[in-house]
């Protein structure tokens, strides 16, 4: 018998699920040299919900009989299944779902091999497959990551961004340092979701963030502060911040995002504001937001500020 229960603070996550897997111990522990696996919801409904997987299949869907129940309209009643096959490895199988099942942005059919760190797209929910010798430690590590990070993109989440913004304004690196805030918004992003579906939109968001990171120095904070809105927080003169914002804009414009056979391109509108010492943090954010909408009004795919 293989089982796991991890308690999660109620104020942090909606729920957690315990799945006890029964079966021949040698088979359930044989996968990947004796480790264990866990599925964790990292974006969408029931953030933090998880199921341990071993020798018996784990059914994913919104139906009451599913071992990992995902209560979202985009999820079919019996959407997908994770199963152990004769090679001792776990596979992801779509069960004829309405919106499809995706593994690392690729649609799956009758079975796709799962590897540690893989992302499973189940409707609007995103799950992560972890395969470790110590699955309990892996689960706790992922839970701690979700406290400060957006599960979909890996950027800081809004709550952590607000903390970092307050800290940066209270004590910049030097008294004379400028603190700059850049807000980024994907242009016409709703069209991507409406035309290709939310899994495609999620893939675009992840790949746009990966592209943005290529231009960022280590000390620059990147956070997701809305559905398709992100923020950059940095110290330095306004000219340097504007140059960085322009490089980010150009990088995204040149990026081709992939989702299955689709190739999608998007652009960014950006608004830049520089903090004055007498201002409240809210004033800095509002100024950057005003500049962002100037970029939108001027035709998009540009930097204002």
C-alpha atoms as a PDB file:
ATOM      1  CA  UNK A   1       0.000   0.000   0.000  1.00  0.00           C
ATOM      2  CA  UNK A   2       1.297   3.438  -0.954  1.00  0.00           C
ATOM      3  CA  UNK A   3      -0.233   6.557   0.550  1.00  0.00           C
ATOM      4  CA  UNK A   4       0.473  10.175   1.308  1.00  0.00           C
ATOM      5  CA  UNK A   5      -1.245  12.926   3.194  1.00  0.00           C
ATOM      6  CA  UNK A   6       0.097  16.443   3.358  1.00  0.00           C
ATOM      7  CA  UNK A   7      -1.754  19.153   5.264  1.00  0.00           C
ATOM      8  CA  UNK A   8      -1.977  22.549   3.579  1.00  0.00           C
ATOM      9  CA  UNK A   9      -3.020  25.780   5.321  1.00  0.00           C
ATOM     10  CA  UNK A  10      -6.677  26.479   4.520  1.00  0.00           C
ATOM     11  CA  UNK A  11      -5.971  30.128   3.877  1.00  0.00           C
ATOM     12  CA  UNK A  12      -3.507  29.208   1.113  1.00  0.00           C
ATOM     13  CA  UNK A  13      -5.271  26.564  -0.959  1.00  0.00           C
ATOM     14  CA  UNK A  14      -8.866  25.506  -1.584  1.00  0.00           C
ATOM     15  CA  UNK A  15      -8.395  21.848  -0.781  1.00  0.00           C
ATOM     16  CA  UNK A  16      -6.159  18.839  -0.915  1.00  0.00           C
ATOM     17  CA  UNK A  17      -7.028  15.287  -1.836  1.00  0.00           C
ATOM     18  CA  UNK A  18      -5.550  12.076  -0.522  1.00  0.00           C
ATOM     19  CA  UNK A  19      -5.363   9.164  -2.922  1.00  0.00           C
ATOM     20  CA  UNK A  20      -4.236   5.882  -1.419  1.00  0.00           C
ATOM     21  CA  UNK A  21      -2.951   3.523  -4.087  1.00  0.00           C
ATOM     22  CA  UNK A  22      -3.257  -0.181  -3.371  1.00  0.00           C
ATOM     23  CA  UNK A  23      -1.585  -2.905  -5.358  1.00  0.00           C
ATOM     24  CA  UNK A  24       1.493  -5.105  -5.542  1.00  0.00           C
ATOM     25  CA  UNK A  25       4.270  -3.140  -3.858  1.00  0.00           C
ATOM     26  CA  UNK A  26       7.050  -4.222  -6.254  1.00  0.00           C
ATOM     27  CA  UNK A  27       5.093  -2.936  -9.262  1.00  0.00           C
ATOM     28  CA  UNK A  28       3.935   0.343  -7.715  1.00  0.00           C
ATOM     29  CA  UNK A  29       7.457   1.173  -6.557  1.00  0.00           C
ATOM     30  CA  UNK A  30       9.272  -0.026  -9.653  1.00  0.00           C
ATOM     31  CA  UNK A  31       8.626   3.116 -11.701  1.00  0.00           C
ATOM     32  CA  UNK A  32      11.812   5.105 -12.400  1.00  0.00           C
ATOM     33  CA  UNK A  33      13.997   3.128 -10.002  1.00  0.00           C
ATOM     34  CA  UNK A  34      11.780   3.058  -6.974  1.00  0.00           C
ATOM     35  CA  UNK A  35      10.449   6.605  -6.683  1.00  0.00           C
ATOM     36  CA  UNK A  36       6.921   7.862  -6.275  1.00  0.00           C
ATOM     37  CA  UNK A  37       4.842  10.298  -8.304  1.00  0.00           C
ATOM     38  CA  UNK A  38       2.368  13.035  -7.474  1.00  0.00           C
ATOM     39  CA  UNK A  39       0.099  15.247  -9.561  1.00  0.00           C
ATOM     40  CA  UNK A  40      -0.378  18.822  -8.289  1.00  0.00           C
ATOM     41  CA  UNK A  41      -2.788  21.477  -9.567  1.00  0.00           C
ATOM     42  CA  UNK A  42      -0.601  24.548 -10.127  1.00  0.00           C
ATOM     43  CA  UNK A  43      -3.084  26.756 -12.012  1.00  0.00           C
ATOM     44  CA  UNK A  44      -6.864  26.867 -12.262  1.00  0.00           C
ATOM     45  CA  UNK A  45      -9.539  25.501  -9.982  1.00  0.00           C
ATOM     46  CA  UNK A  46      -8.467  23.955  -6.651  1.00  0.00           C
ATOM     47  CA  UNK A  47      -4.920  25.260  -6.617  1.00  0.00           C
ATOM     48  CA  UNK A  48      -2.725  22.912  -4.596  1.00  0.00           C
ATOM     49  CA  UNK A  49      -4.993  19.892  -4.932  1.00  0.00           C
ATOM     50  CA  UNK A  50      -2.978  16.732  -5.502  1.00  0.00           C
ATOM     51  CA  UNK A  51      -3.063  12.996  -5.974  1.00  0.00           C
ATOM     52  CA  UNK A  52      -0.380  10.409  -5.423  1.00  0.00           C
ATOM     53  CA  UNK A  53      -0.112   8.003  -8.359  1.00  0.00           C
ATOM     54  CA  UNK A  54       1.284   4.504  -8.334  1.00  0.00           C
ATOM     55  CA  UNK A  55       0.139   1.181  -9.756  1.00  0.00           C
ATOM     56  CA  UNK A  56      -3.584   1.933 -10.112  1.00  0.00           C
ATOM     57  CA  UNK A  57      -4.961   4.379 -12.710  1.00  0.00           C
ATOM     58  CA  UNK A  58      -5.839   7.900 -11.520  1.00  0.00           C
ATOM     59  CA  UNK A  59      -8.894   9.361 -13.255  1.00  0.00           C
ATOM     60  CA  UNK A  60      -8.919  13.137 -13.879  1.00  0.00           C
ATOM     61  CA  UNK A  61     -12.144  15.053 -14.477  1.00  0.00           C
ATOM     62  CA  UNK A  62     -15.019  16.893 -12.864  1.00  0.00           C
ATOM     63  CA  UNK A  63     -17.113  13.790 -12.220  1.00  0.00           C
ATOM     64  CA  UNK A  64     -17.657  12.635  -8.656  1.00  0.00           C
ATOM     65  CA  UNK A  65     -15.931   9.318  -9.345  1.00  0.00           C
ATOM     66  CA  UNK A  66     -12.616  10.867 -10.333  1.00  0.00           C
ATOM     67  CA  UNK A  67      -9.641  10.376  -8.043  1.00  0.00           C
ATOM     68  CA  UNK A  68      -8.529  13.934  -8.879  1.00  0.00           C
ATOM     69  CA  UNK A  69     -11.707  15.972  -9.254  1.00  0.00           C
ATOM     70  CA  UNK A  70     -11.311  19.281 -11.122  1.00  0.00           C
ATOM     71  CA  UNK A  71     -14.416  21.417 -10.801  1.00  0.00           C
ATOM     72  CA  UNK A  72     -14.271  23.533 -13.950  1.00  0.00           C
ATOM     73  CA  UNK A  73     -16.645  23.782 -16.916  1.00  0.00           C
ATOM     74  CA  UNK A  74     -13.710  23.337 -19.289  1.00  0.00           C
ATOM     75  CA  UNK A  75     -13.031  19.881 -17.819  1.00  0.00           C
ATOM     76  CA  UNK A  76     -15.016  16.844 -19.000  1.00  0.00           C
ATOM     77  CA  UNK A  77     -16.591  14.504 -16.461  1.00  0.00           C
ATOM     78  CA  UNK A  78     -14.012  11.847 -17.284  1.00  0.00           C
ATOM     79  CA  UNK A  79     -11.330  13.883 -18.997  1.00  0.00           C
ATOM     80  CA  UNK A  80      -8.061  11.922 -18.792  1.00  0.00           C
ATOM     81  CA  UNK A  81      -6.300   9.124 -16.976  1.00  0.00           C
ATOM     82  CA  UNK A  82      -2.775   8.565 -15.669  1.00  0.00           C
ATOM     83  CA  UNK A  83      -1.867   4.894 -15.732  1.00  0.00           C
ATOM     84  CA  UNK A  84       1.104   2.648 -15.060  1.00  0.00           C
ATOM     85  CA  UNK A  85       2.070   0.455 -18.019  1.00  0.00           C
ATOM     86  CA  UNK A  86       4.112  -2.705 -18.267  1.00  0.00           C
ATOM     87  CA  UNK A  87       7.364  -0.769 -18.729  1.00  0.00           C
ATOM     88  CA  UNK A  88       6.924   0.552 -15.176  1.00  0.00           C
ATOM     89  CA  UNK A  89       6.257   4.150 -16.285  1.00  0.00           C
ATOM     90  CA  UNK A  90       3.275   6.463 -16.035  1.00  0.00           C
ATOM     91  CA  UNK A  91       1.393   7.552 -19.155  1.00  0.00           C
ATOM     92  CA  UNK A  92      -1.223  10.254 -19.740  1.00  0.00           C
ATOM     93  CA  UNK A  93      -4.284   9.169 -21.742  1.00  0.00           C
ATOM     94  CA  UNK A  94      -7.074  11.382 -23.085  1.00  0.00           C
ATOM     95  CA  UNK A  95     -10.556   9.903 -22.634  1.00  0.00           C
ATOM     96  CA  UNK A  96     -12.284  11.651 -25.540  1.00  0.00           C
ATOM     97  CA  UNK A  97     -12.536  14.952 -23.666  1.00  0.00           C
ATOM     98  CA  UNK A  98     -14.297  17.920 -25.248  1.00  0.00           C
ATOM     99  CA  UNK A  99     -11.369  20.340 -24.923  1.00  0.00           C
ATOM    100  CA  UNK A 100      -8.494  17.892 -25.237  1.00  0.00           C
ATOM    101  CA  UNK A 101      -5.645  16.860 -22.962  1.00  0.00           C
ATOM    102  CA  UNK A 102      -2.211  18.443 -23.370  1.00  0.00           C
ATOM    103  CA  UNK A 103       1.256  17.503 -22.227  1.00  0.00           C
ATOM    104  CA  UNK A 104       3.755  20.374 -22.419  1.00  0.00           C
ATOM    105  CA  UNK A 105       1.548  22.124 -25.020  1.00  0.00           C
ATOM    106  CA  UNK A 106       1.209  18.992 -27.178  1.00  0.00           C
ATOM    107  CA  UNK A 107      -2.175  17.303 -27.515  1.00  0.00           C
ATOM    108  CA  UNK A 108      -2.168  13.667 -26.409  1.00  0.00           C
ATOM    109  CA  UNK A 109      -4.303  10.717 -27.442  1.00  0.00           C
ATOM    110  CA  UNK A 110      -4.002   7.135 -26.261  1.00  0.00           C
ATOM    111  CA  UNK A 111      -0.867   7.619 -24.205  1.00  0.00           C
ATOM    112  CA  UNK A 112       2.056   9.984 -23.655  1.00  0.00           C
ATOM    113  CA  UNK A 113       4.980   9.142 -21.359  1.00  0.00           C
ATOM    114  CA  UNK A 114       5.229  11.340 -18.264  1.00  0.00           C
ATOM    115  CA  UNK A 115       8.544  12.670 -16.960  1.00  0.00           C
ATOM    116  CA  UNK A 116       9.419  14.591 -13.821  1.00  0.00           C
ATOM    117  CA  UNK A 117       8.360  18.236 -14.134  1.00  0.00           C
ATOM    118  CA  UNK A 118       5.917  17.704 -17.019  1.00  0.00           C
ATOM    119  CA  UNK A 119       2.878  20.008 -17.278  1.00  0.00           C
ATOM    120  CA  UNK A 120      -0.571  18.526 -17.936  1.00  0.00           C
ATOM    121  CA  UNK A 121      -3.262  20.763 -19.452  1.00  0.00           C
ATOM    122  CA  UNK A 122      -6.741  19.609 -18.414  1.00  0.00           C
ATOM    123  CA  UNK A 123      -9.207  22.224 -19.663  1.00  0.00           C
ATOM    124  CA  UNK A 124      -8.275  25.495 -17.950  1.00  0.00           C
ATOM    125  CA  UNK A 125      -6.448  23.610 -15.196  1.00  0.00           C
ATOM    126  CA  UNK A 126      -2.704  23.053 -15.242  1.00  0.00           C
ATOM    127  CA  UNK A 127      -1.162  20.157 -13.346  1.00  0.00           C
ATOM    128  CA  UNK A 128       2.455  19.272 -12.675  1.00  0.00           C
ATOM    129  CA  UNK A 129       3.786  15.714 -12.557  1.00  0.00           C
ATOM    130  CA  UNK A 130       6.567  15.195 -10.029  1.00  0.00           C
ATOM    131  CA  UNK A 131       8.515  11.972  -9.824  1.00  0.00           C
ATOM    132  CA  UNK A 132      10.996  11.869  -6.963  1.00  0.00           C
ATOM    133  CA  UNK A 133      12.482   9.474  -4.450  1.00  0.00           C
ATOM    134  CA  UNK A 134      10.824  11.606  -1.747  1.00  0.00           C
ATOM    135  CA  UNK A 135       7.449  12.624  -3.114  1.00  0.00           C
ATOM    136  CA  UNK A 136       6.401  14.299   0.141  1.00  0.00           C
ATOM    137  CA  UNK A 137       9.396  16.643   0.041  1.00  0.00           C
ATOM    138  CA  UNK A 138       8.715  17.369  -3.642  1.00  0.00           C
ATOM    139  CA  UNK A 139       5.105  18.264  -2.856  1.00  0.00           C
ATOM    140  CA  UNK A 140       6.083  20.611  -0.022  1.00  0.00           C
ATOM    141  CA  UNK A 141       8.681  22.270  -2.251  1.00  0.00           C
ATOM    142  CA  UNK A 142       6.078  22.920  -4.946  1.00  0.00           C
ATOM    143  CA  UNK A 143       3.575  24.259  -2.405  1.00  0.00           C
ATOM    144  CA  UNK A 144       6.184  26.709  -1.114  1.00  0.00           C
ATOM    145  CA  UNK A 145       6.928  27.821  -4.664  1.00  0.00           C
ATOM    146  CA  UNK A 146       3.233  28.521  -5.285  1.00  0.00           C
ATOM    147  CA  UNK A 147       3.118  30.865  -2.284  1.00  0.00           C
ATOM    148  CA  UNK A 148       5.130  33.493  -4.180  1.00  0.00           C
ATOM    149  CA  UNK A 149       4.972  32.414  -7.814  1.00  0.00           C
ATOM    150  CA  UNK A 150       2.333  32.189 -10.510  1.00  0.00           C
ATOM    151  CA  UNK A 151       1.879  28.503 -11.271  1.00  0.00           C
ATOM    152  CA  UNK A 152       1.246  29.049 -14.974  1.00  0.00           C
ATOM    153  CA  UNK A 153       4.207  31.236 -15.926  1.00  0.00           C
ATOM    154  CA  UNK A 154       6.664  30.956 -13.036  1.00  0.00           C
ATOM    155  CA  UNK A 155       6.735  34.740 -12.597  1.00  0.00           C
ATOM    156  CA  UNK A 156       6.106  36.215  -9.149  1.00  0.00           C
ATOM    157  CA  UNK A 157       2.417  36.456  -8.278  1.00  0.00           C
ATOM    158  CA  UNK A 158       0.624  39.720  -7.554  1.00  0.00           C
ATOM    159  CA  UNK A 159       0.788  39.398  -3.763  1.00  0.00           C
ATOM    160  CA  UNK A 160       4.548  38.864  -3.812  1.00  0.00           C
ATOM    161  CA  UNK A 161       4.984  41.711  -6.294  1.00  0.00           C
ATOM    162  CA  UNK A 162       3.187  44.122  -3.977  1.00  0.00           C
ATOM    163  CA  UNK A 163       5.486  43.069  -1.125  1.00  0.00           C
ATOM    164  CA  UNK A 164       8.597  43.548  -3.254  1.00  0.00           C
ATOM    165  CA  UNK A 165       7.364  46.917  -4.529  1.00  0.00           C
ATOM    166  CA  UNK A 166       6.879  48.203  -0.988  1.00  0.00           C
ATOM    167  CA  UNK A 167      10.301  46.911   0.053  1.00  0.00           C
ATOM    168  CA  UNK A 168      12.033  48.451  -2.962  1.00  0.00           C
ATOM    169  CA  UNK A 169      10.464  51.862  -2.374  1.00  0.00           C
ATOM    170  CA  UNK A 170      11.337  51.807   1.320  1.00  0.00           C
ATOM    171  CA  UNK A 171      15.001  51.070   0.764  1.00  0.00           C
ATOM    172  CA  UNK A 172      16.398  51.513  -2.749  1.00  0.00           C
ATOM    173  CA  UNK A 173      19.976  50.385  -3.303  1.00  0.00           C
ATOM    174  CA  UNK A 174      21.165  53.958  -2.929  1.00  0.00           C
ATOM    175  CA  UNK A 175      19.382  57.123  -1.778  1.00  0.00           C
ATOM    176  CA  UNK A 176      19.726  58.644  -5.232  1.00  0.00           C
ATOM    177  CA  UNK A 177      18.516  55.558  -7.105  1.00  0.00           C
ATOM    178  CA  UNK A 178      15.417  55.779  -9.233  1.00  0.00           C
ATOM    179  CA  UNK A 179      12.826  53.020  -9.013  1.00  0.00           C
ATOM    180  CA  UNK A 180      11.092  52.288 -12.305  1.00  0.00           C
ATOM    181  CA  UNK A 181       7.939  50.276 -12.906  1.00  0.00           C
ATOM    182  CA  UNK A 182       6.960  48.943 -16.306  1.00  0.00           C
ATOM    183  CA  UNK A 183       3.532  47.413 -16.919  1.00  0.00           C
ATOM    184  CA  UNK A 184       3.212  45.022 -19.870  1.00  0.00           C
ATOM    185  CA  UNK A 185      -0.026  43.886 -21.465  1.00  0.00           C
ATOM    186  CA  UNK A 186      -0.456  41.423 -24.339  1.00  0.00           C
ATOM    187  CA  UNK A 187      -2.253  43.060 -27.259  1.00  0.00           C
ATOM    188  CA  UNK A 188      -5.572  41.499 -28.337  1.00  0.00           C
ATOM    189  CA  UNK A 189      -4.925  38.470 -26.152  1.00  0.00           C
ATOM    190  CA  UNK A 190      -8.646  37.716 -25.881  1.00  0.00           C
ATOM    191  CA  UNK A 191      -8.600  36.843 -29.577  1.00  0.00           C
ATOM    192  CA  UNK A 192      -6.097  34.060 -28.896  1.00  0.00           C
ATOM    193  CA  UNK A 193      -8.327  32.495 -26.241  1.00  0.00           C
ATOM    194  CA  UNK A 194     -11.509  32.952 -28.278  1.00  0.00           C
ATOM    195  CA  UNK A 195     -10.007  31.589 -31.488  1.00  0.00           C
ATOM    196  CA  UNK A 196      -7.748  28.787 -30.289  1.00  0.00           C
ATOM    197  CA  UNK A 197      -8.947  28.078 -26.744  1.00  0.00           C
ATOM    198  CA  UNK A 198      -7.527  28.696 -23.285  1.00  0.00           C
ATOM    199  CA  UNK A 199      -4.870  25.948 -23.465  1.00  0.00           C
ATOM    200  CA  UNK A 200      -3.359  27.787 -26.437  1.00  0.00           C
ATOM    201  CA  UNK A 201      -3.602  31.065 -24.535  1.00  0.00           C
ATOM    202  CA  UNK A 202      -1.828  29.527 -21.562  1.00  0.00           C
ATOM    203  CA  UNK A 203       0.954  28.272 -23.834  1.00  0.00           C
ATOM    204  CA  UNK A 204       1.373  31.777 -25.267  1.00  0.00           C
ATOM    205  CA  UNK A 205       1.600  33.303 -21.787  1.00  0.00           C
ATOM    206  CA  UNK A 206       4.262  30.821 -20.701  1.00  0.00           C
ATOM    207  CA  UNK A 207       6.335  31.316 -23.830  1.00  0.00           C
ATOM    208  CA  UNK A 208       6.035  35.107 -23.732  1.00  0.00           C
ATOM    209  CA  UNK A 209       7.327  35.114 -20.157  1.00  0.00           C
ATOM    210  CA  UNK A 210      10.213  32.869 -21.196  1.00  0.00           C
ATOM    211  CA  UNK A 211      11.052  35.329 -23.983  1.00  0.00           C
ATOM    212  CA  UNK A 212      10.880  38.329 -21.640  1.00  0.00           C
ATOM    213  CA  UNK A 213      13.265  36.638 -19.203  1.00  0.00           C
ATOM    214  CA  UNK A 214      15.925  36.485 -21.914  1.00  0.00           C
ATOM    215  CA  UNK A 215      16.229  40.286 -21.756  1.00  0.00           C
ATOM    216  CA  UNK A 216      16.109  40.755 -17.990  1.00  0.00           C
ATOM    217  CA  UNK A 217      19.098  41.282 -15.698  1.00  0.00           C
ATOM    218  CA  UNK A 218      18.956  39.112 -12.596  1.00  0.00           C
ATOM    219  CA  UNK A 219      17.963  41.968 -10.273  1.00  0.00           C
ATOM    220  CA  UNK A 220      14.823  42.918 -12.242  1.00  0.00           C
ATOM    221  CA  UNK A 221      11.555  41.666 -10.729  1.00  0.00           C
ATOM    222  CA  UNK A 222       9.067  40.047 -13.127  1.00  0.00           C
ATOM    223  CA  UNK A 223       5.526  39.444 -11.875  1.00  0.00           C
ATOM    224  CA  UNK A 224       2.141  38.481 -13.251  1.00  0.00           C
ATOM    225  CA  UNK A 225      -0.316  41.061 -11.927  1.00  0.00           C
ATOM    226  CA  UNK A 226      -3.382  40.230 -14.041  1.00  0.00           C
ATOM    227  CA  UNK A 227      -4.668  37.757 -16.597  1.00  0.00           C
ATOM    228  CA  UNK A 228      -2.362  38.904 -19.400  1.00  0.00           C
ATOM    229  CA  UNK A 229      -0.729  41.794 -17.559  1.00  0.00           C
ATOM    230  CA  UNK A 230       2.789  41.682 -16.144  1.00  0.00           C
ATOM    231  CA  UNK A 231       5.085  44.068 -14.299  1.00  0.00           C
ATOM    232  CA  UNK A 232       8.805  44.775 -14.275  1.00  0.00           C
ATOM    233  CA  UNK A 233      10.343  46.464 -11.255  1.00  0.00           C
ATOM    234  CA  UNK A 234      13.921  47.760 -11.333  1.00  0.00           C
ATOM    235  CA  UNK A 235      16.304  50.419 -10.084  1.00  0.00           C
ATOM    236  CA  UNK A 236      18.210  52.816 -12.301  1.00  0.00           C
ATOM    237  CA  UNK A 237      17.644  55.889 -14.460  1.00  0.00           C
ATOM    238  CA  UNK A 238      14.500  56.228 -16.554  1.00  0.00           C
ATOM    239  CA  UNK A 239      16.526  56.022 -19.769  1.00  0.00           C
ATOM    240  CA  UNK A 240      17.878  52.585 -18.842  1.00  0.00           C
ATOM    241  CA  UNK A 241      14.411  51.374 -17.880  1.00  0.00           C
ATOM    242  CA  UNK A 242      12.992  52.576 -21.178  1.00  0.00           C
ATOM    243  CA  UNK A 243      15.783  50.874 -23.114  1.00  0.00           C
ATOM    244  CA  UNK A 244      15.075  47.609 -21.325  1.00  0.00           C
ATOM    245  CA  UNK A 245      11.335  47.962 -21.958  1.00  0.00           C
ATOM    246  CA  UNK A 246      12.009  48.476 -25.659  1.00  0.00           C
ATOM    247  CA  UNK A 247      14.215  45.384 -25.801  1.00  0.00           C
ATOM    248  CA  UNK A 248      11.469  43.359 -24.118  1.00  0.00           C
ATOM    249  CA  UNK A 249       8.886  44.681 -26.590  1.00  0.00           C
ATOM    250  CA  UNK A 250      11.086  43.808 -29.567  1.00  0.00           C
ATOM    251  CA  UNK A 251      11.934  40.338 -28.200  1.00  0.00           C
ATOM    252  CA  UNK A 252       8.244  39.429 -27.826  1.00  0.00           C
ATOM    253  CA  UNK A 253       7.388  40.829 -31.263  1.00  0.00           C
ATOM    254  CA  UNK A 254      10.004  38.504 -32.769  1.00  0.00           C
ATOM    255  CA  UNK A 255       8.904  35.445 -30.768  1.00  0.00           C
ATOM    256  CA  UNK A 256       6.840  32.691 -32.363  1.00  0.00           C
ATOM    257  CA  UNK A 257       4.817  30.746 -29.789  1.00  0.00           C
ATOM    258  CA  UNK A 258       4.061  27.085 -30.433  1.00  0.00           C
ATOM    259  CA  UNK A 259       1.030  25.098 -29.396  1.00  0.00           C
ATOM    260  CA  UNK A 260       0.724  21.724 -31.059  1.00  0.00           C
ATOM    261  CA  UNK A 261       0.815  22.499 -34.781  1.00  0.00           C
ATOM    262  CA  UNK A 262      -0.088  26.146 -34.227  1.00  0.00           C
ATOM    263  CA  UNK A 263       2.384  28.991 -34.509  1.00  0.00           C
ATOM    264  CA  UNK A 264       1.158  32.176 -32.829  1.00  0.00           C
ATOM    265  CA  UNK A 265       2.651  35.656 -32.582  1.00  0.00           C
ATOM    266  CA  UNK A 266       1.659  38.404 -30.169  1.00  0.00           C
ATOM    267  CA  UNK A 267       2.849  41.886 -29.262  1.00  0.00           C
ATOM    268  CA  UNK A 268       3.105  43.911 -26.072  1.00  0.00           C
ATOM    269  CA  UNK A 269       2.061  47.384 -25.054  1.00  0.00           C
ATOM    270  CA  UNK A 270       4.118  48.844 -22.208  1.00  0.00           C
ATOM    271  CA  UNK A 271       3.824  51.754 -19.797  1.00  0.00           C
ATOM    272  CA  UNK A 272       6.771  53.136 -17.817  1.00  0.00           C
ATOM    273  CA  UNK A 273       6.731  55.252 -14.659  1.00  0.00           C
ATOM    274  CA  UNK A 274       9.534  56.388 -12.350  1.00  0.00           C
ATOM    275  CA  UNK A 275       8.945  56.827  -8.633  1.00  0.00           C
ATOM    276  CA  UNK A 276       9.365  60.151  -6.898  1.00  0.00           C
ATOM    277  CA  UNK A 277      10.306  59.891  -3.209  1.00  0.00           C
ATOM    278  CA  UNK A 278       7.187  61.667  -1.961  1.00  0.00           C
ATOM    279  CA  UNK A 279       4.794  59.363  -3.842  1.00  0.00           C
ATOM    280  CA  UNK A 280       2.742  56.492  -2.507  1.00  0.00           C
ATOM    281  CA  UNK A 281       3.364  53.134  -4.246  1.00  0.00           C
ATOM    282  CA  UNK A 282      -0.189  53.306  -5.592  1.00  0.00           C
ATOM    283  CA  UNK A 283       0.666  56.535  -7.449  1.00  0.00           C
ATOM    284  CA  UNK A 284       3.586  54.821  -9.193  1.00  0.00           C
ATOM    285  CA  UNK A 285       1.363  51.961 -10.318  1.00  0.00           C
ATOM    286  CA  UNK A 286      -1.375  54.312 -11.516  1.00  0.00           C
ATOM    287  CA  UNK A 287       1.113  56.340 -13.555  1.00  0.00           C
ATOM    288  CA  UNK A 288       2.510  53.205 -15.214  1.00  0.00           C
ATOM    289  CA  UNK A 289      -1.040  52.050 -15.931  1.00  0.00           C
ATOM    290  CA  UNK A 290      -1.896  55.424 -17.484  1.00  0.00           C
ATOM    291  CA  UNK A 291       1.172  55.182 -19.706  1.00  0.00           C
ATOM    292  CA  UNK A 292       0.199  51.635 -20.677  1.00  0.00           C
ATOM    293  CA  UNK A 293      -3.162  52.838 -21.930  1.00  0.00           C
ATOM    294  CA  UNK A 294      -1.418  55.586 -23.864  1.00  0.00           C
ATOM    295  CA  UNK A 295       0.462  52.845 -25.700  1.00  0.00           C
ATOM    296  CA  UNK A 296      -2.811  51.040 -26.399  1.00  0.00           C
ATOM    297  CA  UNK A 297      -4.480  54.207 -27.671  1.00  0.00           C
ATOM    298  CA  UNK A 298      -1.507  55.043 -29.901  1.00  0.00           C
ATOM    299  CA  UNK A 299      -1.740  51.748 -31.794  1.00  0.00           C
ATOM    300  CA  UNK A 300      -0.241  49.141 -29.430  1.00  0.00           C
ATOM    301  CA  UNK A 301       3.117  47.357 -29.648  1.00  0.00           C
ATOM    302  CA  UNK A 302       5.014  50.310 -28.191  1.00  0.00           C
ATOM    303  CA  UNK A 303       6.449  51.784 -24.995  1.00  0.00           C
ATOM    304  CA  UNK A 304       5.063  54.947 -23.419  1.00  0.00           C
ATOM    305  CA  UNK A 305       6.726  56.841 -20.615  1.00  0.00           C
END
